[in-house]
Amino acid sequence: MSEPMPERGIPSSLAKQRAVTQPPEVRGRRNAEHWTASLYLRDLSPYLTWVLLHTRISANGVTGLMILVGWSTAAALLIPGIWGALLAVVLGQLQMLVDCCDGEVARWRRTSSPAGVFLDKVGHYSTEALIPLALGIRAAAYPLEFPADFLWTTIAAMLALVIVLNKALNDMVHVARANAGLPKLADTHGETAPRGGLVATLRKAARFLPFHRLYHSVELTLIALAAAVVGLFVGQPLVDRVVVAALLPLALLALVGHFVAIMASRRVRS
């Protein structure tokens, strides 16, 4: 049994730190990187990682911080009006920035572990379940009146459930392959693409209207902000209610489409 590699010390330069913490296989990941990371967060994260590496916080501690920021994102949506939605957008971006940094800290210190992956999953699953619940409370509007407002909180709870199930499908694939003794799935288009036919055609069409990508915390907070801005002119809680009611059937469609795409791909084939 090999001994674990010792931790590195404090990085001597940002360039050296970036070479270790952002290797090509990290920057080139197809599915593991959110578009905000590719767009600009990976350019900012080395600076925050530099600060974190000058502290005693562990990589798992950074992931814990990411979880708290994610929960704060959902809590911000409980503030009525545009300011709560704007704060949620800022916190949602901050969560993704910290999410970039926990892996970078782990790669520099050579402390990557299953516990870190588990905590990362907890952070994203819980945040992306709490945000729809907060959207439902916004749609119900203050002061809440029950049982009348149960309609909006129930729709939001169903939306949260569908979003979590959709996220879980990817993890179910990895569990199924591991239980079948298959190798870890490569993060490539060839492995994830349907093998042909109608499913492949529909998948290509979805690129032009990617509603299936609306259910990440970043997208949900941006939708909440857009609804808050429109609501300034049209009136609330009408806009928030329309948004929550529209998101649920689209999420169900995304869930079904994701399931069919998995079954039509090589991911679950031996």
Protein backbone atom coordinates (compact mmCIF):
# COMPACT_ATOMS: atom_id res chain seq x y z
CA MET A 1 0.00 0.00 0.00
CA SER A 2 1.54 3.32 -1.07
CA GLU A 3 1.97 6.15 1.38
CA PRO A 4 -0.06 9.35 0.77
CA MET A 5 1.97 12.12 -0.80
CA PRO A 6 2.93 14.92 1.59
CA GLU A 7 1.12 18.24 1.37
CA ARG A 8 2.77 21.06 -0.53
CA GLY A 9 3.67 24.26 1.29
CA ILE A 10 2.54 27.75 0.44
CA PRO A 11 2.72 28.38 -3.33
CA SER A 12 5.59 30.60 -4.39
CA SER A 13 3.69 32.18 -7.25
CA LEU A 14 0.24 32.29 -8.81
CA ALA A 15 1.63 30.79 -12.01
CA LYS A 16 2.97 27.72 -10.20
CA GLN A 17 -0.24 27.40 -8.20
CA ARG A 18 -2.36 27.63 -11.35
CA ALA A 19 -0.28 24.96 -13.12
CA VAL A 20 -0.95 22.52 -10.29
CA THR A 21 -4.55 23.44 -9.41
CA GLN A 22 -5.90 24.04 -12.92
CA PRO A 23 -4.33 21.36 -15.13
CA PRO A 24 -5.72 20.86 -18.66
CA GLU A 25 -7.85 17.90 -17.57
CA VAL A 26 -9.68 20.21 -15.15
CA ARG A 27 -10.18 23.12 -17.53
CA GLY A 28 -11.23 20.75 -20.30
CA ARG A 29 -13.91 18.83 -18.44
CA ARG A 30 -17.10 18.71 -20.49
CA ASN A 31 -19.80 18.06 -17.89
CA ALA A 32 -18.18 18.82 -14.54
CA GLU A 33 -17.67 22.54 -15.22
CA HIS A 34 -20.52 25.03 -15.09
CA TRP A 35 -20.53 27.64 -17.86
CA THR A 36 -19.73 30.40 -15.35
CA ALA A 37 -16.52 28.57 -14.43
CA SER A 38 -15.45 28.37 -18.06
CA LEU A 39 -16.53 31.94 -18.73
CA TYR A 40 -14.78 33.75 -15.89
CA LEU A 41 -14.75 32.04 -12.49
CA ARG A 42 -11.68 29.90 -13.25
CA ASP A 43 -9.88 33.16 -14.03
CA LEU A 44 -10.81 34.56 -10.61
CA SER A 45 -10.55 31.45 -8.46
CA PRO A 46 -6.72 31.32 -8.29
CA TYR A 47 -6.73 34.60 -6.37
CA LEU A 48 -9.18 33.33 -3.77
CA THR A 49 -7.37 29.97 -3.66
CA TRP A 50 -4.11 31.86 -3.03
CA VAL A 51 -5.70 33.51 0.01
CA LEU A 52 -7.15 30.21 1.26
CA LEU A 53 -3.80 28.45 0.92
CA HIS A 54 -2.30 31.05 3.25
CA THR A 55 -4.74 29.93 5.95
CA ARG A 56 -5.14 26.62 7.76
CA ILE A 57 -8.56 25.85 6.26
CA SER A 58 -8.79 22.41 4.67
CA ALA A 59 -10.26 21.61 1.27
CA ASN A 60 -13.27 20.08 3.03
CA GLY A 61 -13.55 23.24 5.09
CA VAL A 62 -13.74 25.24 1.86
CA THR A 63 -16.48 22.90 0.64
CA GLY A 64 -18.31 23.51 3.90
CA LEU A 65 -18.07 27.22 3.21
CA MET A 66 -19.50 26.58 -0.26
CA ILE A 67 -22.46 24.78 1.32
CA LEU A 68 -23.17 27.71 3.66
CA VAL A 69 -23.00 30.20 0.79
CA GLY A 70 -25.41 28.01 -1.19
CA TRP A 71 -27.90 27.88 1.66
CA SER A 72 -27.55 31.64 2.06
CA THR A 73 -28.42 32.00 -1.62
CA ALA A 74 -31.76 30.30 -1.02
CA ALA A 75 -32.33 32.30 2.18
CA ALA A 76 -31.75 35.57 0.29
CA LEU A 77 -34.74 34.79 -1.92
CA LEU A 78 -36.93 35.00 1.18
CA ILE A 79 -36.29 38.75 1.16
CA PRO A 80 -39.24 40.15 -0.82
CA GLY A 81 -38.75 42.25 -3.92
CA ILE A 82 -35.82 42.84 -6.20
CA TRP A 83 -33.17 43.19 -3.48
CA GLY A 84 -33.55 39.63 -2.27
CA ALA A 85 -33.29 38.32 -5.83
CA LEU A 86 -30.25 40.50 -6.55
CA LEU A 87 -28.50 39.31 -3.39
CA ALA A 88 -29.28 35.71 -4.37
CA VAL A 89 -27.63 36.22 -7.78
CA VAL A 90 -24.48 37.56 -6.12
CA LEU A 91 -24.38 34.73 -3.58
CA GLY A 92 -25.05 32.17 -6.30
CA GLN A 93 -22.00 33.37 -8.21
CA LEU A 94 -19.98 33.37 -5.00
CA GLN A 95 -21.01 29.78 -4.31
CA MET A 96 -19.70 28.72 -7.71
CA LEU A 97 -16.45 30.61 -7.11
CA VAL A 98 -15.88 28.85 -3.78
CA ASP A 99 -16.83 25.59 -5.48
CA CYS A 100 -13.93 26.11 -7.89
CA CYS A 101 -11.57 26.79 -4.99
CA ASP A 102 -12.20 23.70 -2.88
CA GLY A 103 -10.87 21.42 -5.61
CA GLU A 104 -7.93 23.73 -6.22
CA VAL A 105 -7.01 23.68 -2.54
CA ALA A 106 -7.30 19.88 -2.52
CA ARG A 107 -5.11 19.50 -5.61
CA TRP A 108 -2.41 21.80 -4.23
CA ARG A 109 -2.35 20.14 -0.84
CA ARG A 110 -2.84 16.63 -2.27
CA THR A 111 -5.83 16.07 0.01
CA SER A 112 -8.51 15.02 -2.49
CA SER A 113 -10.80 12.43 -0.90
CA PRO A 114 -14.22 10.75 -1.23
CA ALA A 115 -15.36 12.88 1.70
CA GLY A 116 -14.72 16.02 -0.35
CA VAL A 117 -16.72 14.66 -3.29
CA PHE A 118 -19.54 13.69 -0.92
CA LEU A 119 -19.63 17.15 0.69
CA ASP A 120 -19.65 18.76 -2.75
CA LYS A 121 -22.70 16.69 -3.70
CA VAL A 122 -24.42 17.64 -0.44
CA GLY A 123 -23.82 21.31 -1.21
CA HIS A 124 -25.24 21.26 -4.71
CA TYR A 125 -28.15 18.93 -4.01
CA SER A 126 -29.30 20.83 -0.94
CA THR A 127 -28.89 24.27 -2.50
CA GLU A 128 -30.75 23.33 -5.65
CA ALA A 129 -33.57 21.90 -3.55
CA LEU A 130 -33.81 24.89 -1.22
CA ILE A 131 -33.90 27.53 -3.99
CA PRO A 132 -37.17 26.23 -5.54
CA LEU A 133 -38.71 26.09 -2.07
CA ALA A 134 -37.76 29.73 -1.57
CA LEU A 135 -39.22 30.58 -4.98
CA GLY A 136 -42.47 28.98 -3.85
CA ILE A 137 -42.56 31.14 -0.73
CA ARG A 138 -41.94 34.22 -2.90
CA ALA A 139 -44.81 33.14 -5.15
CA ALA A 140 -47.10 32.69 -2.15
CA ALA A 141 -46.14 36.24 -1.04
CA TYR A 142 -46.05 37.70 2.44
CA PRO A 143 -48.00 37.45 4.64
CA LEU A 144 -48.55 33.77 3.91
CA GLU A 145 -52.16 32.67 4.09
CA PHE A 146 -52.85 28.98 4.56
CA PRO A 147 -54.38 26.81 3.19
CA ALA A 148 -54.72 29.06 0.10
CA ASP A 149 -50.96 29.51 -0.32
CA PHE A 150 -50.29 25.79 -0.05
CA LEU A 151 -50.77 25.65 -3.83
CA TRP A 152 -47.57 27.61 -4.52
CA THR A 153 -45.45 26.00 -1.85
CA THR A 154 -46.62 22.56 -3.03
CA ILE A 155 -45.74 23.32 -6.66
CA ALA A 156 -42.33 24.53 -5.47
CA ALA A 157 -41.80 21.37 -3.40
CA MET A 158 -42.61 19.26 -6.47
CA LEU A 159 -40.19 21.36 -8.51
CA ALA A 160 -37.46 20.80 -5.90
CA LEU A 161 -38.09 17.05 -5.99
CA VAL A 162 -37.90 16.87 -9.79
CA ILE A 163 -34.68 18.93 -9.85
CA VAL A 164 -33.03 16.65 -7.29
CA LEU A 165 -34.15 13.54 -9.17
CA ASN A 166 -32.74 14.96 -12.40
CA LYS A 167 -29.39 15.60 -10.72
CA ALA A 168 -29.43 12.15 -9.14
CA LEU A 169 -29.72 10.43 -12.53
CA ASN A 170 -26.07 11.18 -13.29
CA ASP A 171 -24.96 9.76 -9.96
CA MET A 172 -27.18 6.71 -10.52
CA VAL A 173 -25.24 6.04 -13.71
CA HIS A 174 -21.93 6.01 -11.80
CA VAL A 175 -23.39 3.74 -9.10
CA ALA A 176 -24.81 1.35 -11.71
CA ARG A 177 -21.49 1.14 -13.55
CA ALA A 178 -19.56 0.58 -10.32
CA ASN A 179 -21.93 -2.18 -9.23
CA ALA A 180 -21.56 -3.81 -12.64
CA GLY A 181 -17.78 -3.70 -12.41
CA LEU A 182 -17.43 -1.26 -15.30
CA PRO A 183 -14.69 1.41 -15.43
CA LYS A 184 -15.31 5.01 -14.46
CA LEU A 185 -17.19 6.91 -17.13
CA ALA A 186 -15.04 9.20 -19.26
CA ASP A 187 -16.19 12.81 -19.40
CA THR A 188 -16.46 12.87 -23.20
CA HIS A 189 -19.19 13.53 -25.72
CA GLY A 190 -18.85 10.07 -27.21
CA GLU A 191 -19.72 8.40 -23.91
CA THR A 192 -22.73 10.57 -23.11
CA ALA A 193 -24.29 11.05 -26.54
CA PRO A 194 -27.26 8.89 -27.58
CA ARG A 195 -26.34 6.24 -30.12
CA GLY A 196 -28.63 7.61 -32.82
CA GLY A 197 -32.22 7.86 -33.94
CA LEU A 198 -34.92 10.14 -32.59
CA VAL A 199 -33.27 10.67 -29.19
CA ALA A 200 -30.05 11.94 -30.78
CA THR A 201 -32.05 14.27 -33.02
CA LEU A 202 -34.02 15.68 -30.08
CA ARG A 203 -30.81 16.14 -28.11
CA LYS A 204 -29.33 18.22 -30.92
CA ALA A 205 -32.52 20.29 -31.08
CA ALA A 206 -32.31 20.94 -27.32
CA ARG A 207 -29.03 22.78 -27.85
CA PHE A 208 -30.97 25.59 -29.50
CA LEU A 209 -33.48 25.79 -26.61
CA PRO A 210 -31.59 24.48 -23.58
CA PHE A 211 -34.41 24.68 -21.04
CA HIS A 212 -32.96 21.56 -19.39
CA ARG A 213 -30.12 23.75 -18.08
CA LEU A 214 -32.42 26.10 -16.15
CA TYR A 215 -32.28 24.20 -12.88
CA HIS A 216 -28.82 24.94 -11.57
CA SER A 217 -28.62 27.41 -8.68
CA VAL A 218 -27.07 30.07 -10.94
CA GLU A 219 -29.81 29.87 -13.54
CA LEU A 220 -32.57 29.75 -10.93
CA THR A 221 -31.31 32.90 -9.23
CA LEU A 222 -31.05 34.69 -12.57
CA ILE A 223 -34.65 33.66 -13.33
CA ALA A 224 -35.72 34.98 -9.93
CA LEU A 225 -34.00 38.30 -10.63
CA ALA A 226 -35.62 38.58 -14.06
CA ALA A 227 -39.01 37.84 -12.50
CA ALA A 228 -38.40 40.50 -9.84
CA VAL A 229 -37.54 43.10 -12.50
CA VAL A 230 -40.60 42.26 -14.61
CA GLY A 231 -42.67 42.27 -11.44
CA LEU A 232 -41.80 45.92 -10.86
CA PHE A 233 -43.90 46.74 -13.94
CA VAL A 234 -46.45 43.92 -14.10
CA GLY A 235 -46.95 43.36 -10.40
CA GLN A 236 -46.14 40.69 -7.88
CA PRO A 237 -46.76 37.96 -6.86
CA LEU A 238 -48.24 37.35 -10.34
CA VAL A 239 -44.89 37.07 -12.13
CA ASP A 240 -43.35 34.84 -9.47
CA ARG A 241 -46.39 32.54 -9.69
CA VAL A 242 -46.18 32.31 -13.47
CA VAL A 243 -42.46 31.47 -13.22
CA VAL A 244 -42.93 28.72 -10.63
CA ALA A 245 -45.88 27.25 -12.52
CA ALA A 246 -43.91 27.23 -15.79
CA LEU A 247 -40.74 25.75 -14.30
CA LEU A 248 -42.42 22.58 -13.03
CA PRO A 249 -43.62 21.11 -16.38
CA LEU A 250 -40.35 22.10 -18.04
CA ALA A 251 -38.44 20.35 -15.25
CA LEU A 252 -40.55 17.22 -15.71
CA LEU A 253 -39.82 17.28 -19.43
CA ALA A 254 -36.10 17.69 -18.72
CA LEU A 255 -36.21 14.77 -16.27
CA VAL A 256 -37.89 12.45 -18.77
CA GLY A 257 -35.56 13.56 -21.56
CA HIS A 258 -32.49 13.02 -19.37
CA PHE A 259 -33.63 9.51 -18.45
CA VAL A 260 -34.28 8.58 -22.07
CA ALA A 261 -30.93 10.04 -23.17
CA ILE A 262 -29.09 7.97 -20.55
CA MET A 263 -30.83 4.78 -21.59
CA ALA A 264 -30.03 5.51 -25.26
CA SER A 265 -26.33 6.18 -24.60
CA ARG A 266 -23.31 3.98 -23.90
CA ARG A 267 -23.27 5.03 -20.27
CA VAL A 268 -25.39 2.13 -19.05
CA ARG A 269 -24.19 -0.45 -21.58
CA SER A 270 -21.67 -3.12 -20.67
